[in-house]
Amino acid sequence: MSEKIRPFVKWAGGKGSLIPQLNNFYPYELKNGIIERYIEPFVGGGAVLIDILQKYDVQEAYAFDINIDLINSYNVIKNDVEELITNLKQMEIEYLQLEQEERKNYFYNKRDEYNSYALEENEQNVQRAAQFIYLNRTCFNGLYRVNKEGKFNVPVGSYKNPMICDEENLRKLSELIQNMQFQYGDYRRSMEYVTENTFVYFDPPYRPLNVTSGFTSYTKEDFNDDSQRELAAFYRKLNERNAKLMLSNSNPKNINEEDHFFDNIYHGFNIDEIYASRMINANSKGRGKISEILVTNYNT
């Protein structure tokens, strides 16, 4: 496990570039072997999960997400990685030998097939996971987005030579997550696993900084301000169990210094800033380093 393992999907808001900063905020108990259990209620691409499992001796780990295809893919990587690799290799060979226009047709045929059926809860489907990863690796900007009907609707990308089957990384990831549980469901399902020897990292859909930046459609459900308040109430419930908690979100003060939304709903907790390269809006002047917030219930 000496080589760094990467997330198997690109994911909007992924934390890969922020890992060095986030390391500074991990709890003392995690770094010193006191924490026995790690939980991510919004696992997404899993950059923080992978970082922690590679660095620290966590005995148990649990991850949750309301994107059923994402959870299916994690479980397939855990349990059937060789069959997954075989499927992905076949699609990679077929796709890369095509000309640009033929690639478009191939992509949209795969997208139609993917959208033609839905997974059942607790179903594990290797072909579906392969389609999910293929679409992620070949669609525009590696974006995962669905419409209100839950249909994946991102157009084809224009990559010259995309890596569709990253087989060595998939095998290493499979080995890393063997002792993990991945469950389909929203963040509330994590509550039954939280004890005082638990570190919980929340990476929910971010509160939009403005109208144009409001992207939360990883699933057909939206995550609005009421959802953020409900999450803050859940955070307080877990705090009563003496678990160590860390939460990421956008910093509305990038746009409006008087916006105290998170100061209010996380009053009494530590709120720190970290800096990320994000796009505030479509105008190039709105791109660059902006701050995000980290909410913790322990001293760092």
C-alpha atoms as a PDB file:
ATOM      1  CA  MET A   1       0.000   0.000   0.000  1.00  0.00           C
ATOM      2  CA  SER A   2       3.006   2.310  -0.330  1.00  0.00           C
ATOM      3  CA  GLU A   3       1.668   3.838  -3.573  1.00  0.00           C
ATOM      4  CA  LYS A   4      -0.976   6.499  -3.174  1.00  0.00           C
ATOM      5  CA  ILE A   5      -4.450   5.199  -3.994  1.00  0.00           C
ATOM      6  CA  ARG A   6      -6.757   7.535  -5.918  1.00  0.00           C
ATOM      7  CA  PRO A   7     -10.555   7.871  -5.938  1.00  0.00           C
ATOM      8  CA  PHE A   8     -12.023   5.716  -8.722  1.00  0.00           C
ATOM      9  CA  VAL A   9     -14.365   8.485  -9.909  1.00  0.00           C
ATOM     10  CA  LYS A  10     -14.119  12.193 -10.533  1.00  0.00           C
ATOM     11  CA  TRP A  11     -16.598  13.935  -8.252  1.00  0.00           C
ATOM     12  CA  ALA A  12     -17.746  17.543  -8.101  1.00  0.00           C
ATOM     13  CA  GLY A  13     -16.396  19.040  -4.887  1.00  0.00           C
ATOM     14  CA  GLY A  14     -13.891  16.209  -4.432  1.00  0.00           C
ATOM     15  CA  LYS A  15     -11.376  16.768  -1.650  1.00  0.00           C
ATOM     16  CA  GLY A  16      -8.222  15.380  -3.278  1.00  0.00           C
ATOM     17  CA  SER A  17      -6.464  18.749  -3.538  1.00  0.00           C
ATOM     18  CA  LEU A  18      -7.410  19.690   0.044  1.00  0.00           C
ATOM     19  CA  ILE A  19      -5.982  16.608   1.772  1.00  0.00           C
ATOM     20  CA  PRO A  20      -2.778  18.372   2.997  1.00  0.00           C
ATOM     21  CA  GLN A  21      -4.897  21.069   4.680  1.00  0.00           C
ATOM     22  CA  LEU A  22      -7.469  18.630   6.054  1.00  0.00           C
ATOM     23  CA  ASN A  23      -4.668  16.596   7.644  1.00  0.00           C
ATOM     24  CA  ASN A  24      -4.001  19.528   9.944  1.00  0.00           C
ATOM     25  CA  PHE A  25      -7.541  19.261  11.304  1.00  0.00           C
ATOM     26  CA  TYR A  26      -7.818  15.524  11.899  1.00  0.00           C
ATOM     27  CA  PRO A  27      -8.370  14.869  15.622  1.00  0.00           C
ATOM     28  CA  TYR A  28      -5.466  13.981  17.895  1.00  0.00           C
ATOM     29  CA  GLU A  29      -7.222  10.738  18.803  1.00  0.00           C
ATOM     30  CA  LEU A  30      -7.194   9.568  15.168  1.00  0.00           C
ATOM     31  CA  LYS A  31      -3.495  10.282  14.726  1.00  0.00           C
ATOM     32  CA  ASN A  32      -2.629   8.503  17.985  1.00  0.00           C
ATOM     33  CA  GLY A  33      -4.583   5.308  17.519  1.00  0.00           C
ATOM     34  CA  ILE A  34      -7.373   6.044  19.989  1.00  0.00           C
ATOM     35  CA  ILE A  35     -10.122   6.295  17.370  1.00  0.00           C
ATOM     36  CA  GLU A  36     -11.435   2.815  16.535  1.00  0.00           C
ATOM     37  CA  ARG A  37     -14.095   3.699  13.965  1.00  0.00           C
ATOM     38  CA  TYR A  38     -14.336   6.077  11.004  1.00  0.00           C
ATOM     39  CA  ILE A  39     -17.595   7.128   9.321  1.00  0.00           C
ATOM     40  CA  GLU A  40     -18.429   9.178   6.222  1.00  0.00           C
ATOM     41  CA  PRO A  41     -22.153   9.921   5.878  1.00  0.00           C
ATOM     42  CA  PHE A  42     -21.616  11.526   2.402  1.00  0.00           C
ATOM     43  CA  VAL A  43     -18.826   9.444   0.880  1.00  0.00           C
ATOM     44  CA  GLY A  44     -18.794  10.835  -2.680  1.00  0.00           C
ATOM     45  CA  GLY A  45     -15.454  10.190  -4.376  1.00  0.00           C
ATOM     46  CA  GLY A  46     -13.911   9.136  -1.082  1.00  0.00           C
ATOM     47  CA  ALA A  47     -10.646  11.119  -1.137  1.00  0.00           C
ATOM     48  CA  VAL A  48     -10.657  11.667   2.646  1.00  0.00           C
ATOM     49  CA  LEU A  49     -11.749   8.098   3.286  1.00  0.00           C
ATOM     50  CA  ILE A  50      -8.839   6.758   1.216  1.00  0.00           C
ATOM     51  CA  ASP A  51      -6.385   9.113   2.916  1.00  0.00           C
ATOM     52  CA  ILE A  52      -7.430   8.048   6.409  1.00  0.00           C
ATOM     53  CA  LEU A  53      -7.503   4.322   5.659  1.00  0.00           C
ATOM     54  CA  GLN A  54      -3.976   4.519   4.214  1.00  0.00           C
ATOM     55  CA  LYS A  55      -2.508   6.531   7.089  1.00  0.00           C
ATOM     56  CA  TYR A  56      -4.214   5.423  10.269  1.00  0.00           C
ATOM     57  CA  ASP A  57      -5.043   2.185  12.037  1.00  0.00           C
ATOM     58  CA  VAL A  58      -8.832   2.383  11.923  1.00  0.00           C
ATOM     59  CA  GLN A  59     -10.430  -0.918  12.954  1.00  0.00           C
ATOM     60  CA  GLU A  60     -13.853  -0.279  11.394  1.00  0.00           C
ATOM     61  CA  ALA A  61     -15.111   2.097   8.720  1.00  0.00           C
ATOM     62  CA  TYR A  62     -18.577   2.846   7.354  1.00  0.00           C
ATOM     63  CA  ALA A  63     -19.615   4.964   4.379  1.00  0.00           C
ATOM     64  CA  PHE A  64     -23.057   6.094   3.218  1.00  0.00           C
ATOM     65  CA  ASP A  65     -24.470   7.890   0.197  1.00  0.00           C
ATOM     66  CA  ILE A  66     -27.869   8.448  -1.394  1.00  0.00           C
ATOM     67  CA  ASN A  67     -26.397   7.783  -4.829  1.00  0.00           C
ATOM     68  CA  ILE A  68     -27.210   4.080  -5.137  1.00  0.00           C
ATOM     69  CA  ASP A  69     -24.935   3.618  -8.160  1.00  0.00           C
ATOM     70  CA  LEU A  70     -21.987   5.046  -6.272  1.00  0.00           C
ATOM     71  CA  ILE A  71     -22.549   2.636  -3.378  1.00  0.00           C
ATOM     72  CA  ASN A  72     -23.000  -0.265  -5.811  1.00  0.00           C
ATOM     73  CA  SER A  73     -19.668   0.620  -7.422  1.00  0.00           C
ATOM     74  CA  TYR A  74     -17.840   0.676  -4.086  1.00  0.00           C
ATOM     75  CA  ASN A  75     -19.293  -2.726  -3.189  1.00  0.00           C
ATOM     76  CA  VAL A  76     -18.381  -4.167  -6.580  1.00  0.00           C
ATOM     77  CA  ILE A  77     -14.804  -2.881  -6.210  1.00  0.00           C
ATOM     78  CA  LYS A  78     -14.677  -4.456  -2.766  1.00  0.00           C
ATOM     79  CA  ASN A  79     -16.155  -7.846  -3.730  1.00  0.00           C
ATOM     80  CA  ASP A  80     -15.778  -8.353  -7.513  1.00  0.00           C
ATOM     81  CA  VAL A  81     -12.907  -6.165  -8.658  1.00  0.00           C
ATOM     82  CA  GLU A  82     -11.525  -8.628 -11.239  1.00  0.00           C
ATOM     83  CA  GLU A  83     -14.866  -9.011 -13.015  1.00  0.00           C
ATOM     84  CA  LEU A  84     -15.248  -5.230 -12.944  1.00  0.00           C
ATOM     85  CA  ILE A  85     -11.802  -4.814 -14.523  1.00  0.00           C
ATOM     86  CA  THR A  86     -12.712  -7.290 -17.268  1.00  0.00           C
ATOM     87  CA  ASN A  87     -15.858  -5.290 -18.101  1.00  0.00           C
ATOM     88  CA  LEU A  88     -14.039  -1.952 -18.071  1.00  0.00           C
ATOM     89  CA  LYS A  89     -11.171  -3.231 -20.216  1.00  0.00           C
ATOM     90  CA  GLN A  90     -13.630  -4.393 -22.847  1.00  0.00           C
ATOM     91  CA  MET A  91     -15.313  -0.981 -22.976  1.00  0.00           C
ATOM     92  CA  GLU A  92     -11.939   0.759 -23.065  1.00  0.00           C
ATOM     93  CA  ILE A  93     -10.777  -1.324 -26.047  1.00  0.00           C
ATOM     94  CA  GLU A  94     -14.049  -0.767 -27.912  1.00  0.00           C
ATOM     95  CA  TYR A  95     -14.160   2.975 -27.184  1.00  0.00           C
ATOM     96  CA  LEU A  96     -10.547   3.927 -27.909  1.00  0.00           C
ATOM     97  CA  GLN A  97     -10.452   2.301 -31.326  1.00  0.00           C
ATOM     98  CA  LEU A  98     -13.334   4.463 -32.574  1.00  0.00           C
ATOM     99  CA  GLU A  99     -13.189   7.807 -34.381  1.00  0.00           C
ATOM    100  CA  GLN A 100     -14.603  10.878 -32.629  1.00  0.00           C
ATOM    101  CA  GLU A 101     -18.101  10.693 -34.114  1.00  0.00           C
ATOM    102  CA  GLU A 102     -18.326   6.967 -33.458  1.00  0.00           C
ATOM    103  CA  ARG A 103     -17.238   7.573 -29.865  1.00  0.00           C
ATOM    104  CA  LYS A 104     -20.186   9.912 -29.422  1.00  0.00           C
ATOM    105  CA  ASN A 105     -22.596   7.267 -30.639  1.00  0.00           C
ATOM    106  CA  TYR A 106     -20.978   4.668 -28.373  1.00  0.00           C
ATOM    107  CA  PHE A 107     -21.220   7.001 -25.375  1.00  0.00           C
ATOM    108  CA  TYR A 108     -24.887   7.849 -25.914  1.00  0.00           C
ATOM    109  CA  ASN A 109     -25.774   4.195 -26.449  1.00  0.00           C
ATOM    110  CA  LYS A 110     -24.110   3.342 -23.133  1.00  0.00           C
ATOM    111  CA  ARG A 111     -25.843   6.274 -21.461  1.00  0.00           C
ATOM    112  CA  ASP A 112     -29.246   5.141 -22.781  1.00  0.00           C
ATOM    113  CA  GLU A 113     -28.574   1.609 -21.560  1.00  0.00           C
ATOM    114  CA  TYR A 114     -27.525   2.937 -18.152  1.00  0.00           C
ATOM    115  CA  ASN A 115     -30.697   5.037 -17.918  1.00  0.00           C
ATOM    116  CA  SER A 116     -32.965   2.194 -19.030  1.00  0.00           C
ATOM    117  CA  TYR A 117     -33.058   0.508 -15.626  1.00  0.00           C
ATOM    118  CA  ALA A 118     -32.416   1.224 -11.948  1.00  0.00           C
ATOM    119  CA  LEU A 119     -30.773  -0.760  -9.192  1.00  0.00           C
ATOM    120  CA  GLU A 120     -32.722  -2.292  -6.351  1.00  0.00           C
ATOM    121  CA  GLU A 121     -31.548  -1.565  -2.807  1.00  0.00           C
ATOM    122  CA  ASN A 122     -28.847  -4.054  -1.743  1.00  0.00           C
ATOM    123  CA  GLU A 123     -28.414  -5.256  -5.340  1.00  0.00           C
ATOM    124  CA  GLN A 124     -24.801  -5.687  -6.442  1.00  0.00           C
ATOM    125  CA  ASN A 125     -24.374  -5.367 -10.192  1.00  0.00           C
ATOM    126  CA  VAL A 126     -20.938  -5.492 -11.847  1.00  0.00           C
ATOM    127  CA  GLN A 127     -22.145  -4.400 -15.295  1.00  0.00           C
ATOM    128  CA  ARG A 128     -23.876  -1.385 -13.788  1.00  0.00           C
ATOM    129  CA  ALA A 129     -20.721  -0.389 -11.893  1.00  0.00           C
ATOM    130  CA  ALA A 130     -18.693  -0.676 -15.096  1.00  0.00           C
ATOM    131  CA  GLN A 131     -21.175   1.571 -16.937  1.00  0.00           C
ATOM    132  CA  PHE A 132     -21.100   4.071 -14.061  1.00  0.00           C
ATOM    133  CA  ILE A 133     -17.296   4.291 -14.167  1.00  0.00           C
ATOM    134  CA  TYR A 134     -17.160   4.371 -17.978  1.00  0.00           C
ATOM    135  CA  LEU A 135     -19.623   7.280 -18.144  1.00  0.00           C
ATOM    136  CA  ASN A 136     -17.734   9.148 -15.411  1.00  0.00           C
ATOM    137  CA  ARG A 137     -14.433   8.745 -17.270  1.00  0.00           C
ATOM    138  CA  THR A 138     -15.751   9.811 -20.688  1.00  0.00           C
ATOM    139  CA  CYS A 139     -18.471  12.402 -19.996  1.00  0.00           C
ATOM    140  CA  PHE A 140     -18.006  16.174 -20.044  1.00  0.00           C
ATOM    141  CA  ASN A 141     -15.675  17.283 -17.213  1.00  0.00           C
ATOM    142  CA  GLY A 142     -16.118  13.974 -15.401  1.00  0.00           C
ATOM    143  CA  LEU A 143     -19.320  15.398 -13.962  1.00  0.00           C
ATOM    144  CA  TYR A 144     -21.987  13.216 -12.381  1.00  0.00           C
ATOM    145  CA  ARG A 145     -25.385  14.862 -12.669  1.00  0.00           C
ATOM    146  CA  VAL A 146     -28.949  13.591 -12.944  1.00  0.00           C
ATOM    147  CA  ASN A 147     -32.246  15.247 -13.804  1.00  0.00           C
ATOM    148  CA  LYS A 148     -35.434  15.251 -11.713  1.00  0.00           C
ATOM    149  CA  GLU A 149     -36.313  11.809 -13.028  1.00  0.00           C
ATOM    150  CA  GLY A 150     -32.983  10.481 -11.802  1.00  0.00           C
ATOM    151  CA  LYS A 151     -31.594  10.042 -15.332  1.00  0.00           C
ATOM    152  CA  PHE A 152     -27.897  10.697 -15.978  1.00  0.00           C
ATOM    153  CA  ASN A 153     -27.818  13.567 -18.459  1.00  0.00           C
ATOM    154  CA  VAL A 154     -24.204  14.737 -18.848  1.00  0.00           C
ATOM    155  CA  PRO A 155     -23.056  14.929 -22.503  1.00  0.00           C
ATOM    156  CA  VAL A 156     -20.009  13.190 -23.923  1.00  0.00           C
ATOM    157  CA  GLY A 157     -16.577  14.686 -23.239  1.00  0.00           C
ATOM    158  CA  SER A 158     -13.813  15.264 -25.775  1.00  0.00           C
ATOM    159  CA  TYR A 159     -10.926  13.396 -24.150  1.00  0.00           C
ATOM    160  CA  LYS A 160      -8.358  12.095 -26.607  1.00  0.00           C
ATOM    161  CA  ASN A 161      -7.205   9.063 -24.645  1.00  0.00           C
ATOM    162  CA  PRO A 162      -9.202   8.647 -21.404  1.00  0.00           C
ATOM    163  CA  MET A 163      -8.165   5.966 -18.911  1.00  0.00           C
ATOM    164  CA  ILE A 164     -11.373   4.007 -18.516  1.00  0.00           C
ATOM    165  CA  CYS A 165      -9.860   1.007 -16.717  1.00  0.00           C
ATOM    166  CA  ASP A 166      -7.318   2.024 -14.060  1.00  0.00           C
ATOM    167  CA  GLU A 167      -6.833  -1.589 -13.064  1.00  0.00           C
ATOM    168  CA  GLU A 168      -3.916  -1.309 -10.620  1.00  0.00           C
ATOM    169  CA  ASN A 169      -5.612   1.487  -8.689  1.00  0.00           C
ATOM    170  CA  LEU A 170      -8.866  -0.495  -8.579  1.00  0.00           C
ATOM    171  CA  ARG A 171      -7.070  -3.533  -7.153  1.00  0.00           C
ATOM    172  CA  LYS A 172      -5.319  -1.463  -4.490  1.00  0.00           C
ATOM    173  CA  LEU A 173      -8.565   0.273  -3.583  1.00  0.00           C
ATOM    174  CA  SER A 174     -10.296  -3.101  -3.333  1.00  0.00           C
ATOM    175  CA  GLU A 175      -7.635  -4.305  -0.898  1.00  0.00           C
ATOM    176  CA  LEU A 176      -7.869  -1.109   1.144  1.00  0.00           C
ATOM    177  CA  ILE A 177     -11.654  -1.283   1.677  1.00  0.00           C
ATOM    178  CA  GLN A 178     -12.023  -4.971   2.514  1.00  0.00           C
ATOM    179  CA  ASN A 179     -12.996  -4.252   6.141  1.00  0.00           C
ATOM    180  CA  MET A 180     -15.421  -1.463   5.242  1.00  0.00           C
ATOM    181  CA  GLN A 181     -19.195  -1.334   4.970  1.00  0.00           C
ATOM    182  CA  PHE A 182     -20.822   0.754   2.219  1.00  0.00           C
ATOM    183  CA  GLN A 183     -24.524   1.415   2.660  1.00  0.00           C
ATOM    184  CA  TYR A 184     -27.102   3.113   0.466  1.00  0.00           C
ATOM    185  CA  GLY A 185     -29.033   5.738   2.400  1.00  0.00           C
ATOM    186  CA  ASP A 186     -28.870   9.285   3.677  1.00  0.00           C
ATOM    187  CA  TYR A 187     -26.562  10.529   6.409  1.00  0.00           C
ATOM    188  CA  ARG A 188     -29.026   9.699   9.196  1.00  0.00           C
ATOM    189  CA  ARG A 189     -28.357   5.977   8.731  1.00  0.00           C
ATOM    190  CA  SER A 190     -24.891   6.516  10.156  1.00  0.00           C
ATOM    191  CA  MET A 191     -26.215   7.366  13.621  1.00  0.00           C
ATOM    192  CA  GLU A 192     -26.473   3.768  14.886  1.00  0.00           C
ATOM    193  CA  TYR A 193     -22.725   3.272  14.326  1.00  0.00           C
ATOM    194  CA  VAL A 194     -21.494   6.388  16.126  1.00  0.00           C
ATOM    195  CA  THR A 195     -19.814   5.942  19.529  1.00  0.00           C
ATOM    196  CA  GLU A 196     -17.409   8.056  21.535  1.00  0.00           C
ATOM    197  CA  ASN A 197     -14.489   6.290  19.809  1.00  0.00           C
ATOM    198  CA  THR A 198     -15.664   7.405  16.370  1.00  0.00           C
ATOM    199  CA  PHE A 199     -14.437  10.082  13.966  1.00  0.00           C
ATOM    200  CA  VAL A 200     -17.153  11.315  11.577  1.00  0.00           C
ATOM    201  CA  TYR A 201     -16.354  13.454   8.542  1.00  0.00           C
ATOM    202  CA  PHE A 202     -19.295  15.167   6.809  1.00  0.00           C
ATOM    203  CA  ASP A 203     -18.895  16.396   3.231  1.00  0.00           C
ATOM    204  CA  PRO A 204     -22.461  17.313   2.258  1.00  0.00           C
ATOM    205  CA  PRO A 205     -23.575  19.093  -0.907  1.00  0.00           C
ATOM    206  CA  TYR A 206     -22.268  22.615  -0.436  1.00  0.00           C
ATOM    207  CA  ARG A 207     -24.512  25.589   0.103  1.00  0.00           C
ATOM    208  CA  PRO A 208     -24.390  27.580  -3.170  1.00  0.00           C
ATOM    209  CA  LEU A 209     -22.393  30.806  -3.083  1.00  0.00           C
ATOM    210  CA  ASN A 210     -24.722  32.210  -5.708  1.00  0.00           C
ATOM    211  CA  VAL A 211     -27.453  31.038  -8.060  1.00  0.00           C
ATOM    212  CA  THR A 212     -25.124  29.907 -10.837  1.00  0.00           C
ATOM    213  CA  SER A 213     -22.914  27.829  -8.532  1.00  0.00           C
ATOM    214  CA  GLY A 214     -25.811  25.837  -7.094  1.00  0.00           C
ATOM    215  CA  PHE A 215     -24.933  22.319  -8.174  1.00  0.00           C
ATOM    216  CA  THR A 216     -26.338  19.619  -5.864  1.00  0.00           C
ATOM    217  CA  SER A 217     -27.830  17.191  -8.378  1.00  0.00           C
ATOM    218  CA  TYR A 218     -25.773  14.077  -7.669  1.00  0.00           C
ATOM    219  CA  THR A 219     -29.209  12.534  -7.144  1.00  0.00           C
ATOM    220  CA  LYS A 220     -32.717  13.692  -8.044  1.00  0.00           C
ATOM    221  CA  GLU A 221     -33.153  15.183  -4.548  1.00  0.00           C
ATOM    222  CA  ASP A 222     -32.030  18.737  -3.736  1.00  0.00           C
ATOM    223  CA  PHE A 223     -30.079  19.868  -0.664  1.00  0.00           C
ATOM    224  CA  ASN A 224     -31.351  23.319   0.315  1.00  0.00           C
ATOM    225  CA  ASP A 225     -30.979  25.577   3.368  1.00  0.00           C
ATOM    226  CA  ASP A 226     -33.553  23.574   5.317  1.00  0.00           C
ATOM    227  CA  SER A 227     -31.493  20.464   4.570  1.00  0.00           C
ATOM    228  CA  GLN A 228     -28.390  22.249   5.893  1.00  0.00           C
ATOM    229  CA  ARG A 229     -30.241  23.127   9.117  1.00  0.00           C
ATOM    230  CA  GLU A 230     -31.395  19.522   9.541  1.00  0.00           C
ATOM    231  CA  LEU A 231     -27.822  18.358   9.078  1.00  0.00           C
ATOM    232  CA  ALA A 232     -26.611  20.837  11.710  1.00  0.00           C
ATOM    233  CA  ALA A 233     -29.207  19.450  14.148  1.00  0.00           C
ATOM    234  CA  PHE A 234     -27.947  15.920  13.394  1.00  0.00           C
ATOM    235  CA  TYR A 235     -24.369  17.114  13.990  1.00  0.00           C
ATOM    236  CA  ARG A 236     -25.424  18.337  17.443  1.00  0.00           C
ATOM    237  CA  LYS A 237     -26.992  14.955  18.237  1.00  0.00           C
ATOM    238  CA  LEU A 238     -23.757  13.165  17.404  1.00  0.00           C
ATOM    239  CA  ASN A 239     -21.836  15.697  19.475  1.00  0.00           C
ATOM    240  CA  GLU A 240     -23.822  14.509  22.504  1.00  0.00           C
ATOM    241  CA  ARG A 241     -22.264  11.062  21.980  1.00  0.00           C
ATOM    242  CA  ASN A 242     -18.767  12.583  22.356  1.00  0.00           C
ATOM    243  CA  ALA A 243     -17.759  11.461  18.869  1.00  0.00           C
ATOM    244  CA  LYS A 244     -15.154  13.548  17.046  1.00  0.00           C
ATOM    245  CA  LEU A 245     -16.855  15.478  14.220  1.00  0.00           C
ATOM    246  CA  MET A 246     -15.553  17.436  11.221  1.00  0.00           C
ATOM    247  CA  LEU A 247     -17.719  19.018   8.497  1.00  0.00           C
ATOM    248  CA  SER A 248     -16.869  20.846   5.275  1.00  0.00           C
ATOM    249  CA  ASN A 249     -18.968  23.428   3.497  1.00  0.00           C
ATOM    250  CA  SER A 250     -18.766  26.546   1.390  1.00  0.00           C
ATOM    251  CA  ASN A 251     -17.985  29.885   3.014  1.00  0.00           C
ATOM    252  CA  PRO A 252     -20.758  32.363   2.114  1.00  0.00           C
ATOM    253  CA  LYS A 253     -18.503  35.225   3.254  1.00  0.00           C
ATOM    254  CA  ASN A 254     -16.599  34.876  -0.025  1.00  0.00           C
ATOM    255  CA  ILE A 255     -19.605  36.655  -1.505  1.00  0.00           C
ATOM    256  CA  ASN A 256     -21.230  38.429   1.424  1.00  0.00           C
ATOM    257  CA  GLU A 257     -19.343  39.248   4.636  1.00  0.00           C
ATOM    258  CA  GLU A 258     -22.670  39.666   6.417  1.00  0.00           C
ATOM    259  CA  ASP A 259     -23.885  36.149   5.648  1.00  0.00           C
ATOM    260  CA  HIS A 260     -23.751  34.368   9.018  1.00  0.00           C
ATOM    261  CA  PHE A 261     -25.750  31.290   8.021  1.00  0.00           C
ATOM    262  CA  PHE A 262     -23.168  28.752   9.174  1.00  0.00           C
ATOM    263  CA  ASP A 263     -22.096  30.837  12.184  1.00  0.00           C
ATOM    264  CA  ASN A 264     -25.688  30.605  13.355  1.00  0.00           C
ATOM    265  CA  ILE A 265     -26.463  26.940  12.728  1.00  0.00           C
ATOM    266  CA  TYR A 266     -23.082  25.754  14.062  1.00  0.00           C
ATOM    267  CA  HIS A 267     -22.911  28.199  16.947  1.00  0.00           C
ATOM    268  CA  GLY A 268     -20.738  26.836  19.760  1.00  0.00           C
ATOM    269  CA  PHE A 269     -18.463  24.760  17.505  1.00  0.00           C
ATOM    270  CA  ASN A 270     -15.088  25.650  16.003  1.00  0.00           C
ATOM    271  CA  ILE A 271     -15.324  27.128  12.502  1.00  0.00           C
ATOM    272  CA  ASP A 272     -12.025  27.382  10.605  1.00  0.00           C
ATOM    273  CA  GLU A 273     -11.152  28.365   7.061  1.00  0.00           C
ATOM    274  CA  ILE A 274      -9.210  26.412   4.459  1.00  0.00           C
ATOM    275  CA  TYR A 275      -8.470  27.526   0.921  1.00  0.00           C
ATOM    276  CA  ALA A 276      -9.484  25.784  -2.274  1.00  0.00           C
ATOM    277  CA  SER A 277      -9.342  26.450  -6.004  1.00  0.00           C
ATOM    278  CA  ARG A 278     -13.001  26.682  -6.889  1.00  0.00           C
ATOM    279  CA  MET A 279     -15.078  28.408  -9.516  1.00  0.00           C
ATOM    280  CA  ILE A 280     -17.408  30.944  -7.900  1.00  0.00           C
ATOM    281  CA  ASN A 281     -19.133  31.756 -11.173  1.00  0.00           C
ATOM    282  CA  ALA A 282     -18.860  31.425 -14.952  1.00  0.00           C
ATOM    283  CA  ASN A 283     -16.875  34.655 -15.206  1.00  0.00           C
ATOM    284  CA  SER A 284     -13.123  33.965 -15.123  1.00  0.00           C
ATOM    285  CA  LYS A 285     -12.720  36.816 -12.602  1.00  0.00           C
ATOM    286  CA  GLY A 286     -14.690  34.697 -10.147  1.00  0.00           C
ATOM    287  CA  ARG A 287     -12.237  31.814 -10.256  1.00  0.00           C
ATOM    288  CA  GLY A 288      -9.278  31.178  -8.018  1.00  0.00           C
ATOM    289  CA  LYS A 289      -8.507  30.583  -4.371  1.00  0.00           C
ATOM    290  CA  ILE A 290     -11.527  30.954  -2.135  1.00  0.00           C
ATOM    291  CA  SER A 291     -12.098  29.869   1.422  1.00  0.00           C
ATOM    292  CA  GLU A 292     -14.230  26.981   2.620  1.00  0.00           C
ATOM    293  CA  ILE A 293     -15.237  26.272   6.196  1.00  0.00           C
ATOM    294  CA  LEU A 294     -14.399  23.351   8.465  1.00  0.00           C
ATOM    295  CA  VAL A 295     -16.627  22.828  11.492  1.00  0.00           C
ATOM    296  CA  THR A 296     -15.133  20.720  14.292  1.00  0.00           C
ATOM    297  CA  ASN A 297     -16.277  19.859  17.815  1.00  0.00           C
ATOM    298  CA  TYR A 298     -12.720  19.454  19.131  1.00  0.00           C
ATOM    299  CA  ASN A 299      -9.628  21.610  19.393  1.00  0.00           C
ATOM    300  CA  THR A 300      -7.111  21.288  16.553  1.00  0.00           C
END
